[in-house]
Amino acid sequence: MDADQSAAERTALAGERTMLAWWRTALASLAVALAVGRFLPEIAAVDHTWPYVLLGLGFAVYAAGLFVFGAMRGGVGRHPVSRGSLLAAVFGTLLALGTIALIAAQ
């Protein structure tokens, strides 16, 4: 393996790690969205749930954006995003949209 090929491989792996880091943050944001928007108002037994729902929706929209942006960042240089990565990004975005619908159905 020559130096150029080795450098290209390292660049591709770095792009993959970057994409996965964005997606990890998106999944954490989805967990926070559900906790804040759906479960916290029930546990706290508050009179007005709209601030919690609004904040939860914000986290879910943020997560959807992170899935999309992470997929875009995954294709570094000459290495485009793979079909599997693109499908995972679409699935993650659909999960985020489902979370938005779940929180909004308060």
PDB file of N, CA and C in Angstrom:
ATOM      1  N   MET A   1       0.860  -1.177   0.000  1.00  0.00           N
ATOM      2  CA  MET A   1       0.000   0.000   0.000  1.00  0.00           C
ATOM      3  C   MET A   1       0.903   1.237   0.000  1.00  0.00           C
ATOM      4  N   ASP A   2       0.706   2.130  -0.966  1.00  0.00           N
ATOM      5  CA  ASP A   2       1.538   3.320  -1.029  1.00  0.00           C
ATOM      6  C   ASP A   2       0.991   4.416  -0.118  1.00  0.00           C
ATOM      7  N   ALA A   3       1.726   5.499  -0.008  1.00  0.00           N
ATOM      8  CA  ALA A   3       1.392   6.579   0.920  1.00  0.00           C
ATOM      9  C   ALA A   3       0.083   7.264   0.551  1.00  0.00           C
ATOM     10  N   ASP A   4      -0.155   7.460  -0.747  1.00  0.00           N
ATOM     11  CA  ASP A   4      -1.392   8.125  -1.175  1.00  0.00           C
ATOM     12  C   ASP A   4      -2.622   7.292  -0.833  1.00  0.00           C
ATOM     13  N   GLN A   5      -2.525   5.992  -1.063  1.00  0.00           N
ATOM     14  CA  GLN A   5      -3.654   5.116  -0.758  1.00  0.00           C
ATOM     15  C   GLN A   5      -3.902   5.040   0.743  1.00  0.00           C
ATOM     16  N   SER A   6      -2.825   5.009   1.519  1.00  0.00           N
ATOM     17  CA  SER A   6      -2.941   4.975   2.976  1.00  0.00           C
ATOM     18  C   SER A   6      -3.577   6.266   3.499  1.00  0.00           C
ATOM     19  N   ALA A   7      -3.174   7.393   2.943  1.00  0.00           N
ATOM     20  CA  ALA A   7      -3.748   8.676   3.350  1.00  0.00           C
ATOM     21  C   ALA A   7      -5.228   8.752   2.981  1.00  0.00           C
ATOM     22  N   ALA A   8      -5.588   8.234   1.813  1.00  0.00           N
ATOM     23  CA  ALA A   8      -6.991   8.236   1.397  1.00  0.00           C
ATOM     24  C   ALA A   8      -7.830   7.364   2.317  1.00  0.00           C
ATOM     25  N   GLU A   9      -7.271   6.225   2.724  1.00  0.00           N
ATOM     26  CA  GLU A   9      -7.987   5.338   3.650  1.00  0.00           C
ATOM     27  C   GLU A   9      -8.192   6.010   5.007  1.00  0.00           C
ATOM     28  N   ARG A  10      -7.165   6.667   5.507  1.00  0.00           N
ATOM     29  CA  ARG A  10      -7.289   7.382   6.797  1.00  0.00           C
ATOM     30  C   ARG A  10      -8.319   8.500   6.701  1.00  0.00           C
ATOM     31  N   THR A  11      -8.342   9.194   5.575  1.00  0.00           N
ATOM     32  CA  THR A  11      -9.311  10.274   5.381  1.00  0.00           C
ATOM     33  C   THR A  11     -10.732   9.725   5.365  1.00  0.00           C
ATOM     34  N   ALA A  12     -10.932   8.594   4.689  1.00  0.00           N
ATOM     35  CA  ALA A  12     -12.265   7.985   4.636  1.00  0.00           C
ATOM     36  C   ALA A  12     -12.711   7.541   6.023  1.00  0.00           C
ATOM     37  N   LEU A  13     -11.809   6.944   6.783  1.00  0.00           N
ATOM     38  CA  LEU A  13     -12.160   6.504   8.135  1.00  0.00           C
ATOM     39  C   LEU A  13     -12.436   7.689   9.061  1.00  0.00           C
ATOM     40  N   ALA A  14     -11.685   8.771   8.882  1.00  0.00           N
ATOM     41  CA  ALA A  14     -11.934   9.969   9.689  1.00  0.00           C
ATOM     42  C   ALA A  14     -13.309  10.546   9.382  1.00  0.00           C
ATOM     43  N   GLY A  15     -13.693  10.542   8.102  1.00  0.00           N
ATOM     44  CA  GLY A  15     -15.028  11.020   7.734  1.00  0.00           C
ATOM     45  C   GLY A  15     -16.115  10.160   8.338  1.00  0.00           C
ATOM     46  N   GLU A  16     -15.885   8.856   8.371  1.00  0.00           N
ATOM     47  CA  GLU A  16     -16.862   7.946   8.964  1.00  0.00           C
ATOM     48  C   GLU A  16     -17.005   8.185  10.472  1.00  0.00           C
ATOM     49  N   ARG A  17     -15.885   8.389  11.146  1.00  0.00           N
ATOM     50  CA  ARG A  17     -15.941   8.674  12.591  1.00  0.00           C
ATOM     51  C   ARG A  17     -16.664   9.991  12.859  1.00  0.00           C
ATOM     52  N   THR A  18     -16.429  10.965  11.993  1.00  0.00           N
ATOM     53  CA  THR A  18     -17.104  12.258  12.151  1.00  0.00           C
ATOM     54  C   THR A  18     -18.609  12.100  11.998  1.00  0.00           C
ATOM     55  N   MET A  19     -19.024  11.355  10.980  1.00  0.00           N
ATOM     56  CA  MET A  19     -20.449  11.129  10.752  1.00  0.00           C
ATOM     57  C   MET A  19     -21.074  10.425  11.959  1.00  0.00           C
ATOM     58  N   LEU A  20     -20.406   9.415  12.475  1.00  0.00           N
ATOM     59  CA  LEU A  20     -20.948   8.679  13.622  1.00  0.00           C
ATOM     60  C   LEU A  20     -21.025   9.548  14.868  1.00  0.00           C
ATOM     61  N   ALA A  21     -20.104  10.466  15.032  1.00  0.00           N
ATOM     62  CA  ALA A  21     -20.161  11.384  16.176  1.00  0.00           C
ATOM     63  C   ALA A  21     -21.386  12.291  16.077  1.00  0.00           C
ATOM     64  N   TRP A  22     -21.684  12.788  14.877  1.00  0.00           N
ATOM     65  CA  TRP A  22     -22.880  13.612  14.691  1.00  0.00           C
ATOM     66  C   TRP A  22     -24.135  12.801  14.990  1.00  0.00           C
ATOM     67  N   TRP A  23     -24.160  11.557  14.533  1.00  0.00           N
ATOM     68  CA  TRP A  23     -25.340  10.713  14.748  1.00  0.00           C
ATOM     69  C   TRP A  23     -25.502  10.352  16.212  1.00  0.00           C
ATOM     70  N   ARG A  24     -24.396  10.143  16.918  1.00  0.00           N
ATOM     71  CA  ARG A  24     -24.470   9.851  18.358  1.00  0.00           C
ATOM     72  C   ARG A  24     -25.100  11.033  19.095  1.00  0.00           C
ATOM     73  N   THR A  25     -24.713  12.231  18.713  1.00  0.00           N
ATOM     74  CA  THR A  25     -25.302  13.425  19.312  1.00  0.00           C
ATOM     75  C   THR A  25     -26.788  13.523  18.961  1.00  0.00           C
ATOM     76  N   ALA A  26     -27.150  13.150  17.739  1.00  0.00           N
ATOM     77  CA  ALA A  26     -28.559  13.183  17.325  1.00  0.00           C
ATOM     78  C   ALA A  26     -29.390  12.199  18.144  1.00  0.00           C
ATOM     79  N   LEU A  27     -28.873  11.003  18.374  1.00  0.00           N
ATOM     80  CA  LEU A  27     -29.614  10.024  19.177  1.00  0.00           C
ATOM     81  C   LEU A  27     -29.785  10.499  20.619  1.00  0.00           C
ATOM     82  N   ALA A  28     -28.756  11.120  21.171  1.00  0.00           N
ATOM     83  CA  ALA A  28     -28.875  11.672  22.521  1.00  0.00           C
ATOM     84  C   ALA A  28     -29.922  12.785  22.553  1.00  0.00           C
ATOM     85  N   SER A  29     -29.960  13.601  21.507  1.00  0.00           N
ATOM     86  CA  SER A  29     -30.956  14.676  21.432  1.00  0.00           C
ATOM     87  C   SER A  29     -32.373  14.123  21.338  1.00  0.00           C
ATOM     88  N   LEU A  30     -32.546  13.005  20.640  1.00  0.00           N
ATOM     89  CA  LEU A  30     -33.866  12.372  20.581  1.00  0.00           C
ATOM     90  C   LEU A  30     -34.296  11.873  21.951  1.00  0.00           C
ATOM     91  N   ALA A  31     -33.359  11.316  22.714  1.00  0.00           N
ATOM     92  CA  ALA A  31     -33.685  10.860  24.065  1.00  0.00           C
ATOM     93  C   ALA A  31     -34.088  12.035  24.952  1.00  0.00           C
ATOM     94  N   VAL A  32     -33.376  13.132  24.826  1.00  0.00           N
ATOM     95  CA  VAL A  32     -33.716  14.332  25.599  1.00  0.00           C
ATOM     96  C   VAL A  32     -35.071  14.870  25.144  1.00  0.00           C
ATOM     97  N   ALA A  33     -35.343  14.834  23.848  1.00  0.00           N
ATOM     98  CA  ALA A  33     -36.624  15.323  23.328  1.00  0.00           C
ATOM     99  C   ALA A  33     -37.783  14.553  23.933  1.00  0.00           C
ATOM    100  N   LEU A  34     -37.672  13.239  23.961  1.00  0.00           N
ATOM    101  CA  LEU A  34     -38.744  12.437  24.562  1.00  0.00           C
ATOM    102  C   LEU A  34     -38.866  12.699  26.057  1.00  0.00           C
ATOM    103  N   ALA A  35     -37.738  12.780  26.730  1.00  0.00           N
ATOM    104  CA  ALA A  35     -37.772  12.991  28.180  1.00  0.00           C
ATOM    105  C   ALA A  35     -38.396  14.332  28.534  1.00  0.00           C
ATOM    106  N   VAL A  36     -37.975  15.373  27.847  1.00  0.00           N
ATOM    107  CA  VAL A  36     -38.468  16.717  28.172  1.00  0.00           C
ATOM    108  C   VAL A  36     -39.878  16.937  27.645  1.00  0.00           C
ATOM    109  N   GLY A  37     -40.131  16.523  26.418  1.00  0.00           N
ATOM    110  CA  GLY A  37     -41.406  16.842  25.785  1.00  0.00           C
ATOM    111  C   GLY A  37     -42.557  15.945  26.163  1.00  0.00           C
ATOM    112  N   ARG A  38     -42.263  14.725  26.588  1.00  0.00           N
ATOM    113  CA  ARG A  38     -43.355  13.785  26.820  1.00  0.00           C
ATOM    114  C   ARG A  38     -43.428  13.298  28.266  1.00  0.00           C
ATOM    115  N   PHE A  39     -42.288  12.911  28.829  1.00  0.00           N
ATOM    116  CA  PHE A  39     -42.300  12.284  30.146  1.00  0.00           C
ATOM    117  C   PHE A  39     -42.215  13.277  31.297  1.00  0.00           C
ATOM    118  N   LEU A  40     -41.418  14.322  31.161  1.00  0.00           N
ATOM    119  CA  LEU A  40     -41.247  15.279  32.253  1.00  0.00           C
ATOM    120  C   LEU A  40     -42.544  15.978  32.659  1.00  0.00           C
ATOM    121  N   PRO A  41     -43.386  16.407  31.716  1.00  0.00           N
ATOM    122  CA  PRO A  41     -44.648  17.030  32.144  1.00  0.00           C
ATOM    123  C   PRO A  41     -45.536  16.070  32.953  1.00  0.00           C
ATOM    124  N   GLU A  42     -45.506  14.791  32.631  1.00  0.00           N
ATOM    125  CA  GLU A  42     -46.311  13.828  33.378  1.00  0.00           C
ATOM    126  C   GLU A  42     -45.744  13.591  34.770  1.00  0.00           C
ATOM    127  N   ILE A  43     -44.429  13.522  34.872  1.00  0.00           N
ATOM    128  CA  ILE A  43     -43.794  13.285  36.166  1.00  0.00           C
ATOM    129  C   ILE A  43     -43.939  14.499  37.067  1.00  0.00           C
ATOM    130  N   ALA A  44     -43.756  15.688  36.510  1.00  0.00           N
ATOM    131  CA  ALA A  44     -43.804  16.917  37.300  1.00  0.00           C
ATOM    132  C   ALA A  44     -45.229  17.353  37.629  1.00  0.00           C
ATOM    133  N   ALA A  45     -46.202  16.816  36.923  1.00  0.00           N
ATOM    134  CA  ALA A  45     -47.612  17.166  37.122  1.00  0.00           C
ATOM    135  C   ALA A  45     -47.811  18.688  37.098  1.00  0.00           C
ATOM    136  N   VAL A  46     -47.357  19.297  36.008  1.00  0.00           N
ATOM    137  CA  VAL A  46     -47.463  20.751  35.858  1.00  0.00           C
ATOM    138  C   VAL A  46     -48.802  21.120  35.229  1.00  0.00           C
ATOM    139  N   ASP A  47     -49.213  22.382  35.443  1.00  0.00           N
ATOM    140  CA  ASP A  47     -50.468  22.861  34.871  1.00  0.00           C
ATOM    141  C   ASP A  47     -50.344  23.136  33.367  1.00  0.00           C
ATOM    142  N   HIS A  48     -49.235  23.726  32.979  1.00  0.00           N
ATOM    143  CA  HIS A  48     -49.027  24.084  31.572  1.00  0.00           C
ATOM    144  C   HIS A  48     -47.924  23.199  30.995  1.00  0.00           C
ATOM    145  N   THR A  49     -48.283  22.378  30.029  1.00  0.00           N
ATOM    146  CA  THR A  49     -47.291  21.479  29.426  1.00  0.00           C
ATOM    147  C   THR A  49     -46.654  22.060  28.172  1.00  0.00           C
ATOM    148  N   TRP A  50     -47.211  23.158  27.638  1.00  0.00           N
ATOM    149  CA  TRP A  50     -46.720  23.672  26.372  1.00  0.00           C
ATOM    150  C   TRP A  50     -45.239  24.051  26.391  1.00  0.00           C
ATOM    151  N   PRO A  51     -44.666  24.591  27.490  1.00  0.00           N
ATOM    152  CA  PRO A  51     -43.223  24.888  27.424  1.00  0.00           C
ATOM    153  C   PRO A  51     -42.377  23.622  27.258  1.00  0.00           C
ATOM    154  N   TYR A  52     -42.789  22.542  27.918  1.00  0.00           N
ATOM    155  CA  TYR A  52     -42.059  21.279  27.815  1.00  0.00           C
ATOM    156  C   TYR A  52     -42.194  20.686  26.414  1.00  0.00           C
ATOM    157  N   VAL A  53     -43.383  20.753  25.871  1.00  0.00           N
ATOM    158  CA  VAL A  53     -43.621  20.243  24.522  1.00  0.00           C
ATOM    159  C   VAL A  53     -42.803  21.055  23.515  1.00  0.00           C
ATOM    160  N   LEU A  54     -42.787  22.356  23.650  1.00  0.00           N
ATOM    161  CA  LEU A  54     -42.034  23.210  22.741  1.00  0.00           C
ATOM    162  C   LEU A  54     -40.541  22.910  22.824  1.00  0.00           C
ATOM    163  N   LEU A  55     -40.029  22.757  24.021  1.00  0.00           N
ATOM    164  CA  LEU A  55     -38.619  22.440  24.192  1.00  0.00           C
ATOM    165  C   LEU A  55     -38.291  21.048  23.637  1.00  0.00           C
ATOM    166  N   GLY A  56     -39.164  20.089  23.887  1.00  0.00           N
ATOM    167  CA  GLY A  56     -38.966  18.747  23.334  1.00  0.00           C
ATOM    168  C   GLY A  56     -38.983  18.747  21.816  1.00  0.00           C
ATOM    169  N   LEU A  57     -39.890  19.508  21.224  1.00  0.00           N
ATOM    170  CA  LEU A  57     -39.928  19.626  19.762  1.00  0.00           C
ATOM    171  C   LEU A  57     -38.642  20.247  19.232  1.00  0.00           C
ATOM    172  N   GLY A  58     -38.133  21.221  19.953  1.00  0.00           N
ATOM    173  CA  GLY A  58     -36.869  21.847  19.551  1.00  0.00           C
ATOM    174  C   GLY A  58     -35.726  20.846  19.522  1.00  0.00           C
ATOM    175  N   PHE A  59     -35.643  20.008  20.556  1.00  0.00           N
ATOM    176  CA  PHE A  59     -34.595  18.982  20.587  1.00  0.00           C
ATOM    177  C   PHE A  59     -34.775  17.968  19.460  1.00  0.00           C
ATOM    178  N   ALA A  60     -36.007  17.609  19.142  1.00  0.00           N
ATOM    179  CA  ALA A  60     -36.256  16.640  18.070  1.00  0.00           C
ATOM    180  C   ALA A  60     -35.905  17.219  16.704  1.00  0.00           C
ATOM    181  N   VAL A  61     -36.225  18.474  16.475  1.00  0.00           N
ATOM    182  CA  VAL A  61     -35.855  19.129  15.211  1.00  0.00           C
ATOM    183  C   VAL A  61     -34.333  19.234  15.106  1.00  0.00           C
ATOM    184  N   TYR A  62     -33.697  19.557  16.225  1.00  0.00           N
ATOM    185  CA  TYR A  62     -32.237  19.615  16.282  1.00  0.00           C
ATOM    186  C   TYR A  62     -31.637  18.252  15.919  1.00  0.00           C
ATOM    187  N   ALA A  63     -32.224  17.187  16.446  1.00  0.00           N
ATOM    188  CA  ALA A  63     -31.736  15.832  16.149  1.00  0.00           C
ATOM    189  C   ALA A  63     -31.880  15.513  14.667  1.00  0.00           C
ATOM    190  N   ALA A  64     -33.004  15.879  14.074  1.00  0.00           N
ATOM    191  CA  ALA A  64     -33.194  15.629  12.640  1.00  0.00           C
ATOM    192  C   ALA A  64     -32.122  16.352  11.830  1.00  0.00           C
ATOM    193  N   GLY A  65     -31.836  17.580  12.194  1.00  0.00           N
ATOM    194  CA  GLY A  65     -30.789  18.330  11.507  1.00  0.00           C
ATOM    195  C   GLY A  65     -29.422  17.696  11.675  1.00  0.00           C
ATOM    196  N   LEU A  66     -29.146  17.158  12.863  1.00  0.00           N
ATOM    197  CA  LEU A  66     -27.860  16.503  13.102  1.00  0.00           C
ATOM    198  C   LEU A  66     -27.698  15.248  12.255  1.00  0.00           C
ATOM    199  N   PHE A  67     -28.775  14.479  12.088  1.00  0.00           N
ATOM    200  CA  PHE A  67     -28.701  13.292  11.233  1.00  0.00           C
ATOM    201  C   PHE A  67     -28.355  13.691   9.796  1.00  0.00           C
ATOM    202  N   VAL A  68     -29.017  14.700   9.291  1.00  0.00           N
ATOM    203  CA  VAL A  68     -28.780  15.132   7.906  1.00  0.00           C
ATOM    204  C   VAL A  68     -27.375  15.718   7.763  1.00  0.00           C
ATOM    205  N   PHE A  69     -27.001  16.603   8.671  1.00  0.00           N
ATOM    206  CA  PHE A  69     -25.692  17.238   8.585  1.00  0.00           C
ATOM    207  C   PHE A  69     -24.572  16.217   8.762  1.00  0.00           C
ATOM    208  N   GLY A  70     -24.773  15.253   9.664  1.00  0.00           N
ATOM    209  CA  GLY A  70     -23.773  14.213   9.851  1.00  0.00           C
ATOM    210  C   GLY A  70     -23.556  13.391   8.607  1.00  0.00           C
ATOM    211  N   ALA A  71     -24.626  13.102   7.891  1.00  0.00           N
ATOM    212  CA  ALA A  71     -24.497  12.351   6.635  1.00  0.00           C
ATOM    213  C   ALA A  71     -23.771  13.182   5.585  1.00  0.00           C
ATOM    214  N   MET A  72     -24.039  14.474   5.566  1.00  0.00           N
ATOM    215  CA  MET A  72     -23.362  15.339   4.602  1.00  0.00           C
ATOM    216  C   MET A  72     -21.874  15.454   4.920  1.00  0.00           C
ATOM    217  N   ARG A  73     -21.537  15.514   6.212  1.00  0.00           N
ATOM    218  CA  ARG A  73     -20.142  15.623   6.623  1.00  0.00           C
ATOM    219  C   ARG A  73     -19.384  14.309   6.454  1.00  0.00           C
ATOM    220  N   GLY A  74     -20.111  13.200   6.377  1.00  0.00           N
ATOM    221  CA  GLY A  74     -19.465  11.895   6.256  1.00  0.00           C
ATOM    222  C   GLY A  74     -18.737  11.711   4.947  1.00  0.00           C
ATOM    223  N   GLY A  75     -19.171  12.374   3.903  1.00  0.00           N
ATOM    224  CA  GLY A  75     -18.499  12.264   2.612  1.00  0.00           C
ATOM    225  C   GLY A  75     -17.382  13.280   2.516  1.00  0.00           C
ATOM    226  N   VAL A  76     -16.203  12.897   2.964  1.00  0.00           N
ATOM    227  CA  VAL A  76     -15.064  13.814   2.996  1.00  0.00           C
ATOM    228  C   VAL A  76     -14.229  13.637   1.740  1.00  0.00           C
ATOM    229  N   GLY A  77     -13.907  14.731   1.089  1.00  0.00           N
ATOM    230  CA  GLY A  77     -13.016  14.687  -0.067  1.00  0.00           C
ATOM    231  C   GLY A  77     -13.577  13.856  -1.201  1.00  0.00           C
ATOM    232  N   ARG A  78     -12.784  12.883  -1.658  1.00  0.00           N
ATOM    233  CA  ARG A  78     -13.173  12.055  -2.792  1.00  0.00           C
ATOM    234  C   ARG A  78     -14.057  10.892  -2.380  1.00  0.00           C
ATOM    235  N   HIS A  79     -14.398  10.790  -1.119  1.00  0.00           N
ATOM    236  CA  HIS A  79     -15.151   9.650  -0.614  1.00  0.00           C
ATOM    237  C   HIS A  79     -16.607  10.052  -0.371  1.00  0.00           C
ATOM    238  N   PRO A  80     -17.489   9.719  -1.303  1.00  0.00           N
ATOM    239  CA  PRO A  80     -18.902  10.080  -1.103  1.00  0.00           C
ATOM    240  C   PRO A  80     -19.539   9.217  -0.012  1.00  0.00           C
ATOM    241  N   VAL A  81     -20.674   9.660   0.452  1.00  0.00           N
ATOM    242  CA  VAL A  81     -21.414   8.913   1.463  1.00  0.00           C
ATOM    243  C   VAL A  81     -21.898   7.603   0.851  1.00  0.00           C
ATOM    244  N   SER A  82     -21.715   6.515   1.581  1.00  0.00           N
ATOM    245  CA  SER A  82     -22.139   5.217   1.058  1.00  0.00           C
ATOM    246  C   SER A  82     -23.661   5.092   1.106  1.00  0.00           C
ATOM    247  N   ARG A  83     -24.186   4.135   0.379  1.00  0.00           N
ATOM    248  CA  ARG A  83     -25.630   3.906   0.343  1.00  0.00           C
ATOM    249  C   ARG A  83     -26.157   3.525   1.730  1.00  0.00           C
ATOM    250  N   GLY A  84     -25.404   2.694   2.449  1.00  0.00           N
ATOM    251  CA  GLY A  84     -25.814   2.297   3.798  1.00  0.00           C
ATOM    252  C   GLY A  84     -25.860   3.481   4.749  1.00  0.00           C
ATOM    253  N   SER A  85     -24.868   4.359   4.656  1.00  0.00           N
ATOM    254  CA  SER A  85     -24.851   5.555   5.505  1.00  0.00           C
ATOM    255  C   SER A  85     -26.016   6.474   5.180  1.00  0.00           C
ATOM    256  N   LEU A  86     -26.313   6.592   3.905  1.00  0.00           N
ATOM    257  CA  LEU A  86     -27.434   7.434   3.493  1.00  0.00           C
ATOM    258  C   LEU A  86     -28.751   6.857   4.002  1.00  0.00           C
ATOM    259  N   LEU A  87     -28.907   5.538   3.919  1.00  0.00           N
ATOM    260  CA  LEU A  87     -30.122   4.902   4.444  1.00  0.00           C
ATOM    261  C   LEU A  87     -30.238   5.086   5.957  1.00  0.00           C
ATOM    262  N   ALA A  88     -29.116   4.976   6.667  1.00  0.00           N
ATOM    263  CA  ALA A  88     -29.129   5.180   8.109  1.00  0.00           C
ATOM    264  C   ALA A  88     -29.500   6.623   8.445  1.00  0.00           C
ATOM    265  N   ALA A  89     -29.014   7.571   7.655  1.00  0.00           N
ATOM    266  CA  ALA A  89     -29.357   8.972   7.891  1.00  0.00           C
ATOM    267  C   ALA A  89     -30.843   9.223   7.651  1.00  0.00           C
ATOM    268  N   VAL A  90     -31.380   8.633   6.595  1.00  0.00           N
ATOM    269  CA  VAL A  90     -32.814   8.772   6.313  1.00  0.00           C
ATOM    270  C   VAL A  90     -33.635   8.138   7.430  1.00  0.00           C
ATOM    271  N   PHE A  91     -33.231   6.958   7.887  1.00  0.00           N
ATOM    272  CA  PHE A  91     -33.946   6.288   8.970  1.00  0.00           C
ATOM    273  C   PHE A  91     -33.873   7.109  10.255  1.00  0.00           C
ATOM    274  N   GLY A  92     -32.710   7.655  10.566  1.00  0.00           N
ATOM    275  CA  GLY A  92     -32.571   8.501  11.755  1.00  0.00           C
ATOM    276  C   GLY A  92     -33.432   9.743  11.670  1.00  0.00           C
ATOM    277  N   THR A  93     -33.490  10.337  10.488  1.00  0.00           N
ATOM    278  CA  THR A  93     -34.336  11.517  10.297  1.00  0.00           C
ATOM    279  C   THR A  93     -35.807  11.152  10.454  1.00  0.00           C
ATOM    280  N   LEU A  94     -36.204   9.995   9.941  1.00  0.00           N
ATOM    281  CA  LEU A  94     -37.586   9.535  10.121  1.00  0.00           C
ATOM    282  C   LEU A  94     -37.898   9.280  11.594  1.00  0.00           C
ATOM    283  N   LEU A  95     -36.929   8.735  12.329  1.00  0.00           N
ATOM    284  CA  LEU A  95     -37.113   8.566  13.775  1.00  0.00           C
ATOM    285  C   LEU A  95     -37.315   9.919  14.465  1.00  0.00           C
ATOM    286  N   ALA A  96     -36.528  10.892  14.066  1.00  0.00           N
ATOM    287  CA  ALA A  96     -36.670  12.226  14.649  1.00  0.00           C
ATOM    288  C   ALA A  96     -38.038  12.822  14.319  1.00  0.00           C
ATOM    289  N   LEU A  97     -38.502  12.632  13.090  1.00  0.00           N
ATOM    290  CA  LEU A  97     -39.819  13.149  12.711  1.00  0.00           C
ATOM    291  C   LEU A  97     -40.939  12.406  13.476  1.00  0.00           C
ATOM    292  N   GLY A  98     -40.741  11.108  13.689  1.00  0.00           N
ATOM    293  CA  GLY A  98     -41.703  10.361  14.512  1.00  0.00           C
ATOM    294  C   GLY A  98     -41.723  10.854  15.936  1.00  0.00           C
ATOM    295  N   THR A  99     -40.560  11.202  16.468  1.00  0.00           N
ATOM    296  CA  THR A  99     -40.483  11.758  17.817  1.00  0.00           C
ATOM    297  C   THR A  99     -41.199  13.096  17.882  1.00  0.00           C
ATOM    298  N   ILE A 100     -41.045  13.897  16.856  1.00  0.00           N
ATOM    299  CA  ILE A 100     -41.750  15.185  16.792  1.00  0.00           C
ATOM    300  C   ILE A 100     -43.261  14.939  16.808  1.00  0.00           C
ATOM    301  N   ALA A 101     -43.715  13.986  16.010  1.00  0.00           N
ATOM    302  CA  ALA A 101     -45.156  13.692  15.975  1.00  0.00           C
ATOM    303  C   ALA A 101     -45.648  13.162  17.334  1.00  0.00           C
ATOM    304  N   LEU A 102     -44.850  12.338  17.987  1.00  0.00           N
ATOM    305  CA  LEU A 102     -45.234  11.795  19.296  1.00  0.00           C
ATOM    306  C   LEU A 102     -45.347  12.899  20.336  1.00  0.00           C
ATOM    307  N   ILE A 103     -44.387  13.811  20.330  1.00  0.00           N
ATOM    308  CA  ILE A 103     -44.414  14.902  21.310  1.00  0.00           C
ATOM    309  C   ILE A 103     -45.547  15.864  20.998  1.00  0.00           C
ATOM    310  N   ALA A 104     -45.767  16.166  19.729  1.00  0.00           N
ATOM    311  CA  ALA A 104     -46.812  17.107  19.343  1.00  0.00           C
ATOM    312  C   ALA A 104     -48.202  16.570  19.584  1.00  0.00           C
ATOM    313  N   ALA A 105     -48.373  15.253  19.690  1.00  0.00           N
ATOM    314  CA  ALA A 105     -49.694  14.655  19.904  1.00  0.00           C
ATOM    315  C   ALA A 105     -50.095  14.705  21.369  1.00  0.00           C
ATOM    316  N   GLN A 106     -49.573  15.635  22.088  1.00  0.00           N
ATOM    317  CA  GLN A 106     -49.831  15.803  23.527  1.00  0.00           C
ATOM    318  C   GLN A 106     -51.300  15.989  23.820  1.00  0.00           C
TER     319      GLN A 106
END
